[in-house]
């Protein structure tokens, strides 16, 4: 795990000192809200529907136990006792007082954390596969490169006033994308060429929002030495071409669409050839030093007899293991996903007490590492199977033992109109009601893998466009109306879902989802055929009769 050096610490201390002075000037009236706005956004502070909101960066989703403990301190001391983990692998505090924010940032700095560039028209928090360094299917751990990109992009003088926000994600598993690479402004896959050399495939122009687009391959192979200069060339080209007359058309996806991928490739290559000979951003020694911070922990050997006995004896433990664990690169280890989606709870929320429990579990059983997923769950990346019964017992005591990863109640949802000033409809209550309904029906495991994603406005922070079932909440003449899309995909076979037809009122949306699932269960060819496989086989029209039963009745 990356540890700040003297430069990092000094830089952060100075940024926090500056922001403390800016907050004091806002409070005493020396700065107006319009003057203060760009300053607070540079430090991750939003003004939301009811209060300020502080968004804390968790670069590439990696946390230590001490860092998680500090997040608990912030929740308990300066908020309402909880935090909200987001689809950008960050954490948000929804109720801080402005006067307390500098103290919160100073507390974060003690454990190498900050809120820089979690907002504003700049390069945002770099995200990565939440199984990085542990997954059996990755080519290489993407976190060292993600950290290098974080250092390159932080306070980059050319990229602090971009046409719009800019998001970069990195994955080491091109055939099993867990980082939603193709829905980012720039997505990076670690790949291997025919000579066995590691490099990077660059995808550009992905994004969701009001104009969802799947990214296109900009270059098949960029060497390690050229990655930063190639990224610099790409962002520079967009910085010049990007629209500033209309914020809704300012993202790089629109630039790629308007100019065409071939023209963008030509311009990037031209810019790359110009800056590459004198580029100062890449340092082989620095990258090697960064890689040392991400070395695998000292894996241990131990008997798994107790684990196997518990698995065979306890059906609840067995269900949790079967649902919440993923394959680790070490056969006697597992990757554990802790669900923050208890049925009826707010997706992504964790109390201060729960944060401390997760920190202690990681400290005692998981080599002191945790990860945050874009799916708003917490991961223990390195767990020896012999420790799983003890971990499950500790999670159960903290009410963190829900066995639903990848199931219908493992819903991604933005804060919606409960918190966000941009939202036009509620997201959280819809997610809660869907989860509760299918828990009542006791068919979640029979349904199997299906991803529901909910957004409370067109900005799509809930990733609804790439959900197997996507739900978008809108305002229709002062009334909440929910549109449904089907067939979205956030993986390496990324796709934008198709809108099914007219939307549904707030009290109609859960029954509509229930009818969709009824249709799936009736149309699937076997229990092994997943929802997305059935959808791709039968198509949208086959579901419409279930979604709109009155139309089916009229047709009959």
Protein backbone atom coordinates (compact mmCIF):
# COMPACT_ATOMS: atom_id res chain seq x y z
CA UNK A 1 0.00 0.00 0.00
CA UNK A 2 1.41 3.39 -0.99
CA UNK A 3 2.89 5.46 1.85
CA UNK A 4 3.34 9.21 1.50
CA UNK A 5 6.89 10.51 1.31
CA UNK A 6 8.12 13.84 2.64
CA UNK A 7 7.02 15.70 -0.50
CA UNK A 8 3.51 14.20 -0.39
CA UNK A 9 3.05 15.15 3.26
CA UNK A 10 4.34 18.68 2.80
CA UNK A 11 2.16 19.22 -0.26
CA UNK A 12 -0.95 18.05 1.55
CA UNK A 13 -0.21 20.10 4.65
CA UNK A 14 0.12 23.25 2.55
CA UNK A 15 -3.10 22.54 0.64
CA UNK A 16 -4.97 22.03 3.91
CA UNK A 17 -3.50 25.22 5.36
CA UNK A 18 -4.65 27.19 2.34
CA UNK A 19 -8.14 25.75 2.49
CA UNK A 20 -8.45 26.44 6.21
CA UNK A 21 -7.77 30.12 5.48
CA UNK A 22 -10.31 30.07 2.64
CA UNK A 23 -12.98 28.57 4.92
CA UNK A 24 -12.31 31.22 7.55
CA UNK A 25 -12.73 33.94 4.91
CA UNK A 26 -16.02 32.39 3.76
CA UNK A 27 -17.34 32.25 7.33
CA UNK A 28 -16.40 35.86 8.11
CA UNK A 29 -17.94 37.03 4.82
CA UNK A 30 -14.72 38.01 3.07
CA UNK A 31 -15.57 35.49 0.34
CA UNK A 32 -18.99 35.21 -1.26
CA UNK A 33 -20.40 31.77 -2.06
CA UNK A 34 -19.67 32.35 -5.76
CA UNK A 35 -16.04 33.16 -4.93
CA UNK A 36 -15.76 30.26 -2.50
CA UNK A 37 -17.33 27.65 -4.80
CA UNK A 38 -14.30 26.90 -7.03
CA UNK A 39 -12.04 26.82 -3.95
CA UNK A 40 -14.19 24.32 -2.07
CA UNK A 41 -14.65 22.14 -5.15
CA UNK A 42 -10.86 21.85 -5.47
CA UNK A 43 -10.98 20.26 -2.02
CA UNK A 44 -13.93 17.93 -2.48
CA UNK A 45 -16.55 20.04 -0.71
CA UNK A 46 -20.02 20.28 -2.26
CA UNK A 47 -23.11 22.21 -1.21
CA UNK A 48 -25.87 19.65 -1.43
CA UNK A 49 -29.62 19.66 -0.86
CA UNK A 50 -29.54 20.00 2.93
CA UNK A 51 -25.93 20.65 3.92
CA UNK A 52 -22.34 20.57 2.77
CA UNK A 53 -21.00 17.22 1.59
CA UNK A 54 -17.34 16.22 1.81
CA UNK A 55 -16.12 13.64 -0.70
CA UNK A 56 -12.94 11.91 0.44
CA UNK A 57 -10.68 10.23 -2.12
CA UNK A 58 -9.88 6.54 -1.81
CA UNK A 59 -7.44 6.17 -4.72
CA UNK A 60 -7.99 2.94 -6.67
CA UNK A 61 -10.26 1.85 -3.78
CA UNK A 62 -7.44 0.76 -1.45
CA UNK A 63 -7.54 1.34 2.32
CA UNK A 64 -5.53 0.24 5.32
CA UNK A 65 -7.12 -0.60 8.66
CA UNK A 66 -5.83 2.65 10.14
CA UNK A 67 -7.36 4.62 7.29
CA UNK A 68 -10.72 2.89 7.75
CA UNK A 69 -10.53 3.69 11.46
CA UNK A 70 -9.99 7.35 10.59
CA UNK A 71 -13.03 7.33 8.30
CA UNK A 72 -14.98 6.08 11.32
CA UNK A 73 -13.62 8.97 13.42
CA UNK A 74 -14.82 11.49 10.83
CA UNK A 75 -18.27 9.91 10.73
CA UNK A 76 -18.59 9.88 14.49
CA UNK A 77 -17.00 13.22 15.39
CA UNK A 78 -18.09 15.49 12.55
CA UNK A 79 -21.02 13.79 10.82
CA UNK A 80 -24.07 11.76 11.88
CA UNK A 81 -22.27 8.52 12.59
CA UNK A 82 -22.02 7.04 9.11
CA UNK A 83 -20.43 7.47 5.70
CA UNK A 84 -21.58 6.64 2.18
CA UNK A 85 -19.28 4.67 -0.15
CA UNK A 86 -19.74 5.72 -3.76
CA UNK A 87 -19.51 4.34 -7.29
CA UNK A 88 -16.17 6.18 -7.63
CA UNK A 89 -14.62 4.13 -4.79
CA UNK A 90 -14.77 7.25 -2.58
CA UNK A 91 -16.60 7.99 0.66
CA UNK A 92 -18.99 10.89 1.21
CA UNK A 93 -20.00 12.61 4.43
CA UNK A 94 -23.38 14.25 4.01
CA UNK A 95 -23.66 16.44 7.11
CA UNK A 96 -20.37 18.20 7.98
CA UNK A 97 -20.39 21.77 9.23
CA UNK A 98 -18.28 24.14 7.17
CA UNK A 99 -16.19 25.22 10.17
CA UNK A 100 -15.24 21.58 10.85
CA UNK A 101 -14.09 20.63 7.36
CA UNK A 102 -10.47 21.85 7.80
CA UNK A 103 -10.19 19.70 10.94
CA UNK A 104 -11.56 16.73 9.02
CA UNK A 105 -8.95 17.23 6.30
CA UNK A 106 -6.15 17.48 8.85
CA UNK A 107 -7.32 14.24 10.46
CA UNK A 108 -7.28 12.55 7.05
CA UNK A 109 -3.77 13.82 6.35
CA UNK A 110 -2.47 11.93 9.39
CA UNK A 111 -3.20 8.68 7.56
CA UNK A 112 -2.22 9.75 4.03
CA UNK A 113 -5.72 10.69 2.84
CA UNK A 114 -7.26 13.78 1.30
CA UNK A 115 -10.19 15.13 -0.73
CA UNK A 116 -8.21 16.78 -3.54
CA UNK A 117 -9.68 16.48 -7.05
CA UNK A 118 -12.77 14.55 -5.96
CA UNK A 119 -14.75 17.32 -7.64
CA UNK A 120 -14.33 20.10 -10.19
CA UNK A 121 -13.34 20.10 -13.87
CA UNK A 122 -10.14 18.18 -13.40
CA UNK A 123 -8.86 14.59 -13.42
CA UNK A 124 -10.83 12.89 -10.67
CA UNK A 125 -9.93 10.03 -8.32
CA UNK A 126 -8.30 7.22 -10.33
CA UNK A 127 -10.25 3.99 -9.90
CA UNK A 128 -9.26 0.37 -10.42
CA UNK A 129 -10.43 -3.22 -10.21
CA UNK A 130 -11.38 -3.81 -6.57
CA UNK A 131 -9.79 -7.28 -6.72
CA UNK A 132 -6.44 -5.81 -7.80
CA UNK A 133 -3.40 -7.73 -6.61
CA UNK A 134 -5.52 -10.69 -5.51
CA UNK A 135 -7.54 -11.84 -8.54
CA UNK A 136 -6.59 -15.10 -10.17
CA UNK A 137 -7.39 -13.75 -13.63
CA UNK A 138 -5.40 -10.50 -13.75
CA UNK A 139 -2.34 -9.97 -15.95
CA UNK A 140 -0.77 -7.62 -13.40
CA UNK A 141 -1.80 -5.52 -10.40
CA UNK A 142 -3.09 -2.21 -11.85
CA UNK A 143 -2.63 -0.20 -8.64
CA UNK A 144 1.02 0.85 -9.16
CA UNK A 145 0.09 2.42 -12.49
CA UNK A 146 -3.04 3.93 -10.96
CA UNK A 147 -0.87 5.50 -8.24
CA UNK A 148 1.56 6.82 -10.85
CA UNK A 149 -1.38 8.38 -12.72
CA UNK A 150 -2.66 9.87 -9.45
CA UNK A 151 0.70 11.54 -8.82
CA UNK A 152 0.96 12.79 -12.41
CA UNK A 153 -2.56 14.22 -12.45
CA UNK A 154 -2.68 15.78 -8.97
CA UNK A 155 -2.43 19.56 -9.29
CA UNK A 156 -1.33 19.19 -12.93
CA UNK A 157 -1.10 22.85 -14.03
CA UNK A 158 -2.56 22.24 -17.49
CA UNK A 159 -5.51 20.15 -16.30
CA UNK A 160 -7.09 22.17 -13.47
CA UNK A 161 -9.68 23.90 -15.69
CA UNK A 162 -10.71 21.23 -18.18
CA UNK A 163 -13.94 21.50 -20.22
CA UNK A 164 -15.55 19.06 -17.73
CA UNK A 165 -14.61 16.46 -15.13
CA UNK A 166 -12.38 13.64 -16.35
CA UNK A 167 -12.34 10.07 -15.06
CA UNK A 168 -9.68 7.39 -15.52
CA UNK A 169 -9.92 3.71 -14.55
CA UNK A 170 -7.40 0.86 -14.76
CA UNK A 171 -7.93 -2.91 -14.94
CA UNK A 172 -5.51 -5.82 -14.99
CA UNK A 173 -8.13 -8.27 -16.29
CA UNK A 174 -9.19 -7.42 -19.84
CA UNK A 175 -11.36 -10.55 -20.10
CA UNK A 176 -13.17 -9.94 -16.81
CA UNK A 177 -13.53 -6.20 -16.40
CA UNK A 178 -14.57 -5.30 -12.87
CA UNK A 179 -13.72 -1.59 -13.18
CA UNK A 180 -16.28 -0.48 -15.83
CA UNK A 181 -13.38 0.53 -18.08
CA UNK A 182 -15.48 1.26 -21.17
CA UNK A 183 -17.69 3.79 -19.37
CA UNK A 184 -14.78 6.08 -18.48
CA UNK A 185 -13.27 9.09 -20.23
CA UNK A 186 -10.09 7.03 -20.42
CA UNK A 187 -10.02 3.35 -19.57
CA UNK A 188 -6.78 1.39 -19.37
CA UNK A 189 -6.37 -2.37 -19.67
CA UNK A 190 -3.04 -3.94 -18.77
CA UNK A 191 -2.21 -6.28 -21.66
CA UNK A 192 0.63 -8.45 -22.88
CA UNK A 193 1.96 -8.26 -26.44
CA UNK A 194 3.23 -11.12 -28.57
CA UNK A 195 6.73 -10.68 -27.15
CA UNK A 196 5.45 -11.14 -23.61
CA UNK A 197 5.92 -7.48 -22.70
CA UNK A 198 3.40 -5.73 -20.47
CA UNK A 199 1.76 -2.61 -21.81
CA UNK A 200 -1.61 -0.86 -21.95
CA UNK A 201 -4.63 -0.79 -24.22
CA UNK A 202 -6.16 2.69 -24.11
CA UNK A 203 -9.93 3.12 -24.41
CA UNK A 204 -11.34 6.63 -24.82
CA UNK A 205 -14.70 8.36 -24.92
CA UNK A 206 -16.81 6.25 -22.62
CA UNK A 207 -19.29 7.83 -20.25
CA UNK A 208 -22.85 7.76 -19.02
CA UNK A 209 -25.03 10.78 -18.13
CA UNK A 210 -27.57 12.19 -20.58
CA UNK A 211 -25.63 10.83 -23.57
CA UNK A 212 -24.32 7.37 -22.66
CA UNK A 213 -21.52 6.02 -24.82
CA UNK A 214 -19.24 3.00 -24.76
CA UNK A 215 -15.55 3.83 -25.10
CA UNK A 216 -13.56 3.07 -28.24
CA UNK A 217 -10.02 1.70 -28.49
CA UNK A 218 -7.64 4.61 -29.03
CA UNK A 219 -4.47 2.52 -29.10
CA UNK A 220 -3.98 -1.22 -28.74
CA UNK A 221 -0.59 -1.14 -27.06
CA UNK A 222 1.27 1.62 -25.22
CA UNK A 223 4.52 0.75 -23.48
CA UNK A 224 5.10 1.31 -19.78
CA UNK A 225 7.57 4.12 -20.50
CA UNK A 226 5.13 5.91 -22.81
CA UNK A 227 1.93 5.63 -20.77
CA UNK A 228 2.01 9.01 -19.00
CA UNK A 229 3.11 10.93 -22.08
CA UNK A 230 0.37 9.23 -24.10
CA UNK A 231 -2.22 10.15 -21.47
CA UNK A 232 -0.88 13.70 -21.43
CA UNK A 233 -1.24 13.88 -25.20
CA UNK A 234 -4.81 12.54 -25.06
CA UNK A 235 -6.04 14.90 -22.35
CA UNK A 236 -4.25 17.82 -24.02
CA UNK A 237 -6.00 17.17 -27.32
CA UNK A 238 -9.38 17.09 -25.60
CA UNK A 239 -8.54 20.18 -23.54
CA UNK A 240 -8.15 22.10 -26.81
CA UNK A 241 -11.03 20.50 -28.73
CA UNK A 242 -13.55 20.03 -25.93
CA UNK A 243 -16.71 22.15 -25.94
CA UNK A 244 -16.87 24.95 -23.39
CA UNK A 245 -20.02 26.55 -24.76
CA UNK A 246 -22.31 23.77 -23.48
CA UNK A 247 -21.44 21.71 -20.40
CA UNK A 248 -23.74 18.93 -21.56
CA UNK A 249 -21.55 18.48 -24.64
CA UNK A 250 -18.19 19.05 -22.99
CA UNK A 251 -17.15 15.51 -22.06
CA UNK A 252 -14.55 13.75 -24.18
CA UNK A 253 -17.17 11.23 -25.35
CA UNK A 254 -18.88 14.05 -27.27
CA UNK A 255 -15.55 15.22 -28.69
CA UNK A 256 -14.81 11.70 -29.94
CA UNK A 257 -18.33 11.42 -31.36
CA UNK A 258 -18.18 14.80 -33.15
CA UNK A 259 -14.69 14.37 -34.62
CA UNK A 260 -14.57 10.59 -35.02
CA UNK A 261 -12.13 8.17 -33.39
CA UNK A 262 -9.77 8.25 -36.41
CA UNK A 263 -9.34 12.04 -36.19
CA UNK A 264 -8.82 11.85 -32.41
CA UNK A 265 -6.20 9.13 -32.96
CA UNK A 266 -4.43 11.29 -35.54
CA UNK A 267 -4.35 14.32 -33.26
CA UNK A 268 -3.22 12.33 -30.22
CA UNK A 269 -0.42 10.66 -32.15
CA UNK A 270 0.69 14.04 -33.46
CA UNK A 271 0.70 15.53 -29.98
CA UNK A 272 2.37 12.43 -28.52
CA UNK A 273 5.21 12.62 -31.05
CA UNK A 274 5.72 16.27 -30.11
CA UNK A 275 5.87 15.89 -26.33
CA UNK A 276 7.41 12.43 -25.96
CA UNK A 277 11.09 13.43 -26.53
CA UNK A 278 11.09 15.96 -23.71
CA UNK A 279 8.40 14.54 -21.41
CA UNK A 280 9.50 14.70 -17.78
CA UNK A 281 6.58 12.94 -16.10
CA UNK A 282 7.77 9.34 -16.26
CA UNK A 283 10.51 8.01 -13.99
CA UNK A 284 11.38 4.30 -14.11
CA UNK A 285 12.93 4.43 -10.65
CA UNK A 286 9.82 6.09 -9.22
CA UNK A 287 7.56 3.43 -10.70
CA UNK A 288 9.74 0.67 -9.28
CA UNK A 289 9.56 2.33 -5.87
CA UNK A 290 5.79 2.55 -6.17
CA UNK A 291 5.57 -1.13 -7.11
CA UNK A 292 7.37 -2.05 -3.91
CA UNK A 293 4.49 -0.56 -1.94
CA UNK A 294 2.10 -2.97 -3.66
CA UNK A 295 4.03 -6.20 -3.19
CA UNK A 296 1.89 -9.18 -2.23
CA UNK A 297 1.67 -9.81 1.52
CA UNK A 298 3.45 -12.75 3.10
CA UNK A 299 0.88 -15.44 2.43
CA UNK A 300 0.78 -18.17 5.07
CA UNK A 301 0.03 -21.86 4.98
CA UNK A 302 -2.45 -23.44 7.36
CA UNK A 303 -4.95 -26.26 7.53
CA UNK A 304 -8.37 -25.56 6.05
CA UNK A 305 -10.06 -28.38 7.98
CA UNK A 306 -11.99 -26.02 10.29
CA UNK A 307 -13.25 -24.03 7.30
CA UNK A 308 -14.42 -27.16 5.49
CA UNK A 309 -16.15 -28.45 8.62
CA UNK A 310 -17.98 -25.13 9.09
CA UNK A 311 -18.92 -25.08 5.41
CA UNK A 312 -20.48 -28.52 5.63
CA UNK A 313 -22.19 -27.95 8.99
CA UNK A 314 -23.62 -24.41 8.77
CA UNK A 315 -25.98 -23.65 5.84
CA UNK A 316 -25.91 -19.88 6.52
CA UNK A 317 -22.11 -19.83 6.46
CA UNK A 318 -22.15 -21.97 3.32
CA UNK A 319 -24.55 -19.57 1.59
CA UNK A 320 -22.33 -16.62 2.47
CA UNK A 321 -19.22 -18.41 1.20
CA UNK A 322 -20.90 -19.45 -2.04
CA UNK A 323 -22.22 -15.92 -2.69
CA UNK A 324 -19.68 -13.46 -1.30
CA UNK A 325 -16.32 -15.10 -2.10
CA UNK A 326 -14.22 -14.93 -5.28
CA UNK A 327 -11.21 -16.90 -6.46
CA UNK A 328 -7.82 -15.74 -5.18
CA UNK A 329 -4.50 -16.26 -6.95
CA UNK A 330 -3.50 -18.45 -3.96
CA UNK A 331 -5.57 -21.62 -3.81
CA UNK A 332 -5.91 -21.61 -0.01
CA UNK A 333 -6.91 -17.92 0.06
CA UNK A 334 -10.15 -16.20 -0.91
CA UNK A 335 -11.35 -12.70 -1.79
CA UNK A 336 -14.20 -11.72 0.52
CA UNK A 337 -16.79 -9.10 -0.41
CA UNK A 338 -18.61 -7.57 2.53
CA UNK A 339 -22.08 -6.52 1.45
CA UNK A 340 -23.21 -3.02 2.39
CA UNK A 341 -26.62 -3.95 0.99
CA UNK A 342 -28.53 -5.48 3.87
CA UNK A 343 -32.13 -5.88 2.72
CA UNK A 344 -33.94 -2.60 3.30
CA UNK A 345 -30.77 -0.63 4.07
CA UNK A 346 -29.25 2.26 2.12
CA UNK A 347 -26.80 0.86 -0.45
CA UNK A 348 -23.23 1.89 0.35
CA UNK A 349 -23.82 3.23 3.86
CA UNK A 350 -21.68 2.05 6.77
CA UNK A 351 -21.82 3.21 10.36
CA UNK A 352 -18.73 4.24 12.29
CA UNK A 353 -19.04 1.06 14.37
CA UNK A 354 -19.20 -1.08 11.23
CA UNK A 355 -16.16 0.68 9.77
CA UNK A 356 -14.21 -0.16 12.91
CA UNK A 357 -15.30 -3.79 12.76
CA UNK A 358 -14.14 -4.05 9.14
CA UNK A 359 -10.84 -2.36 10.05
CA UNK A 360 -10.26 -4.82 12.89
CA UNK A 361 -11.10 -7.82 10.71
CA UNK A 362 -8.62 -6.63 8.08
CA UNK A 363 -6.01 -6.02 10.79
CA UNK A 364 -6.46 -9.45 12.35
CA UNK A 365 -7.20 -11.67 9.37
CA UNK A 366 -6.63 -9.92 6.03
CA UNK A 367 -3.09 -8.51 5.94
CA UNK A 368 -4.35 -5.05 6.92
CA UNK A 369 -5.96 -4.35 3.53
CA UNK A 370 -9.46 -3.35 2.46
CA UNK A 371 -10.86 -2.26 -0.87
CA UNK A 372 -13.92 -0.26 -1.85
CA UNK A 373 -15.73 -1.39 -4.99
CA UNK A 374 -17.60 0.80 -7.44
CA UNK A 375 -20.50 -1.47 -6.54
CA UNK A 376 -20.52 0.19 -3.08
CA UNK A 377 -19.28 -2.80 -1.12
CA UNK A 378 -16.10 -3.46 0.90
CA UNK A 379 -13.58 -6.14 -0.01
CA UNK A 380 -11.04 -8.09 2.04
CA UNK A 381 -8.66 -9.02 -0.78
CA UNK A 382 -6.42 -11.54 1.03
CA UNK A 383 -8.12 -13.97 3.42
CA UNK A 384 -6.84 -17.42 4.31
CA UNK A 385 -9.72 -19.88 4.16
CA UNK A 386 -8.99 -21.09 7.70
CA UNK A 387 -10.02 -17.64 8.99
CA UNK A 388 -13.36 -17.50 7.19
CA UNK A 389 -15.50 -18.90 10.05
CA UNK A 390 -14.12 -16.28 12.47
CA UNK A 391 -14.57 -13.51 9.92
CA UNK A 392 -18.16 -14.55 9.27
CA UNK A 393 -18.90 -14.56 13.01
CA UNK A 394 -17.48 -11.04 13.40
CA UNK A 395 -19.45 -9.78 10.40
CA UNK A 396 -22.63 -11.38 11.68
CA UNK A 397 -22.26 -9.62 15.03
CA UNK A 398 -21.90 -6.29 13.18
CA UNK A 399 -24.85 -7.04 10.86
CA UNK A 400 -22.54 -7.15 7.85
CA UNK A 401 -23.07 -10.79 6.89
CA UNK A 402 -25.70 -10.42 4.14
CA UNK A 403 -25.10 -13.08 1.48
CA UNK A 404 -26.24 -11.27 -1.65
CA UNK A 405 -23.24 -10.25 -3.76
CA UNK A 406 -24.27 -10.23 -7.41
CA UNK A 407 -27.90 -10.91 -6.56
CA UNK A 408 -30.94 -8.72 -7.11
CA UNK A 409 -30.62 -6.90 -3.77
CA UNK A 410 -26.96 -6.00 -4.40
CA UNK A 411 -28.16 -2.75 -5.96
CA UNK A 412 -26.07 0.24 -6.98
CA UNK A 413 -27.89 3.46 -6.15
CA UNK A 414 -26.96 7.13 -6.08
CA UNK A 415 -28.07 9.25 -3.07
CA UNK A 416 -30.94 10.68 -5.16
CA UNK A 417 -33.29 13.30 -3.85
CA UNK A 418 -32.61 12.33 -0.24
CA UNK A 419 -29.36 14.30 -0.43
CA UNK A 420 -28.38 15.52 -3.89
CA UNK A 421 -29.30 18.99 -5.15
CA UNK A 422 -29.24 17.73 -8.76
CA UNK A 423 -31.58 14.79 -8.24
CA UNK A 424 -35.08 14.78 -9.66
CA UNK A 425 -36.34 11.61 -7.95
CA UNK A 426 -35.63 9.30 -5.04
CA UNK A 427 -33.20 6.42 -5.50
CA UNK A 428 -32.53 5.07 -2.02
CA UNK A 429 -36.16 4.20 -1.12
CA UNK A 430 -36.62 2.42 -4.45
CA UNK A 431 -33.50 0.32 -3.85
CA UNK A 432 -34.65 -0.47 -0.31
CA UNK A 433 -38.12 -1.53 -1.45
CA UNK A 434 -36.83 -3.76 -4.27
CA UNK A 435 -34.44 -5.51 -1.88
CA UNK A 436 -37.13 -5.99 0.75
CA UNK A 437 -39.65 -7.30 -1.78
CA UNK A 438 -37.39 -10.01 -3.19
CA UNK A 439 -36.25 -10.94 0.30
CA UNK A 440 -39.93 -11.46 1.18
CA UNK A 441 -40.40 -13.64 -1.90
CA UNK A 442 -37.32 -15.74 -0.96
CA UNK A 443 -36.34 -16.23 -4.61
CA UNK A 444 -33.13 -14.19 -4.75
CA UNK A 445 -30.81 -17.17 -5.07
CA UNK A 446 -33.12 -18.82 -7.58
CA UNK A 447 -33.01 -15.68 -9.72
CA UNK A 448 -29.22 -15.70 -9.63
CA UNK A 449 -26.92 -13.04 -11.01
CA UNK A 450 -28.64 -9.81 -11.99
CA UNK A 451 -27.48 -6.23 -11.59
CA UNK A 452 -29.95 -3.45 -10.83
CA UNK A 453 -28.57 0.08 -10.95
CA UNK A 454 -30.60 3.17 -10.00
CA UNK A 455 -30.00 6.87 -10.70
CA UNK A 456 -32.06 9.74 -9.35
CA UNK A 457 -31.32 12.01 -12.31
CA UNK A 458 -29.91 12.05 -15.82
CA UNK A 459 -26.34 12.45 -14.55
CA UNK A 460 -26.34 8.67 -13.99
CA UNK A 461 -24.20 8.46 -10.84
CA UNK A 462 -25.97 5.14 -10.19
CA UNK A 463 -24.70 3.74 -13.55
CA UNK A 464 -28.25 2.81 -14.59
CA UNK A 465 -27.33 2.75 -18.29
CA UNK A 466 -25.07 -0.29 -17.77
CA UNK A 467 -27.31 -2.20 -15.38
CA UNK A 468 -28.91 -5.44 -16.51
CA UNK A 469 -31.96 -3.62 -15.22
CA UNK A 470 -31.50 0.14 -15.11
CA UNK A 471 -33.82 2.56 -13.36
CA UNK A 472 -33.73 6.32 -13.99
CA UNK A 473 -35.81 8.62 -11.82
CA UNK A 474 -37.06 11.81 -13.47
CA UNK A 475 -39.42 14.68 -12.71
CA UNK A 476 -42.54 14.72 -14.88
CA UNK A 477 -44.58 17.84 -14.12
CA UNK A 478 -43.64 17.68 -10.45
CA UNK A 479 -44.22 13.92 -10.14
CA UNK A 480 -41.53 11.25 -9.90
CA UNK A 481 -41.41 9.02 -12.95
CA UNK A 482 -39.10 6.04 -13.36
CA UNK A 483 -37.81 4.85 -16.72
CA UNK A 484 -36.54 1.29 -17.09
CA UNK A 485 -33.76 0.06 -19.36
CA UNK A 486 -32.81 -3.57 -19.97
CA UNK A 487 -29.67 -5.23 -21.28
CA UNK A 488 -26.99 -2.89 -20.00
CA UNK A 489 -23.57 -4.36 -19.26
CA UNK A 490 -20.66 -2.88 -17.28
CA UNK A 491 -18.06 -5.56 -18.09
CA UNK A 492 -15.67 -6.17 -20.99
CA UNK A 493 -18.77 -6.79 -23.17
CA UNK A 494 -20.09 -3.33 -22.20
CA UNK A 495 -23.43 -2.19 -23.57
CA UNK A 496 -25.95 0.57 -22.91
CA UNK A 497 -29.37 -0.73 -21.93
CA UNK A 498 -32.47 -0.22 -24.09
CA UNK A 499 -35.38 1.82 -22.80
CA UNK A 500 -38.44 -0.39 -22.47
CA UNK A 501 -41.15 2.24 -22.96
CA UNK A 502 -43.22 4.64 -20.82
CA UNK A 503 -42.06 5.23 -17.27
CA UNK A 504 -43.67 4.26 -13.98
CA UNK A 505 -44.90 6.20 -10.96
CA UNK A 506 -43.08 5.82 -7.64
CA UNK A 507 -45.59 3.28 -6.34
CA UNK A 508 -45.50 1.32 -9.61
CA UNK A 509 -41.78 0.79 -10.08
CA UNK A 510 -41.28 -2.14 -7.69
CA UNK A 511 -44.20 -4.16 -9.17
CA UNK A 512 -42.77 -3.45 -12.63
CA UNK A 513 -39.40 -4.91 -11.60
CA UNK A 514 -41.19 -7.91 -10.14
CA UNK A 515 -42.93 -8.51 -13.48
CA UNK A 516 -39.61 -8.31 -15.33
CA UNK A 517 -38.17 -10.98 -13.08
CA UNK A 518 -41.31 -13.09 -13.51
CA UNK A 519 -40.77 -12.89 -17.26
CA UNK A 520 -37.13 -13.88 -16.93
CA UNK A 521 -37.93 -16.92 -14.76
CA UNK A 522 -40.54 -18.09 -17.26
CA UNK A 523 -38.37 -17.51 -20.36
CA UNK A 524 -34.97 -18.76 -19.22
CA UNK A 525 -33.98 -22.13 -20.68
CA UNK A 526 -32.38 -23.42 -17.48
CA UNK A 527 -31.54 -22.34 -13.95
CA UNK A 528 -27.99 -21.71 -15.15
CA UNK A 529 -29.03 -19.15 -17.77
CA UNK A 530 -28.52 -15.70 -16.22
CA UNK A 531 -30.81 -12.73 -16.69
CA UNK A 532 -28.48 -11.01 -19.17
CA UNK A 533 -28.07 -14.24 -21.17
CA UNK A 534 -31.83 -14.66 -21.39
CA UNK A 535 -32.28 -11.03 -22.40
CA UNK A 536 -29.71 -11.34 -25.18
CA UNK A 537 -31.37 -14.50 -26.44
CA UNK A 538 -35.01 -13.33 -26.46
CA UNK A 539 -34.64 -9.55 -26.88
CA UNK A 540 -36.49 -6.54 -25.49
CA UNK A 541 -39.87 -7.22 -27.12
CA UNK A 542 -40.20 -10.52 -25.29
CA UNK A 543 -40.12 -8.68 -21.97
CA UNK A 544 -42.58 -5.94 -22.91
CA UNK A 545 -45.64 -8.11 -22.41
CA UNK A 546 -44.58 -8.69 -18.82
CA UNK A 547 -43.62 -5.07 -18.18
CA UNK A 548 -46.89 -3.69 -19.59
CA UNK A 549 -49.51 -6.39 -18.89
CA UNK A 550 -52.35 -4.11 -20.00
CA UNK A 551 -50.85 -3.98 -23.50
CA UNK A 552 -50.62 -7.76 -23.57
CA UNK A 553 -54.23 -8.05 -22.43
CA UNK A 554 -55.42 -5.61 -25.12
CA UNK A 555 -53.47 -7.47 -27.79
CA UNK A 556 -55.11 -10.74 -26.74
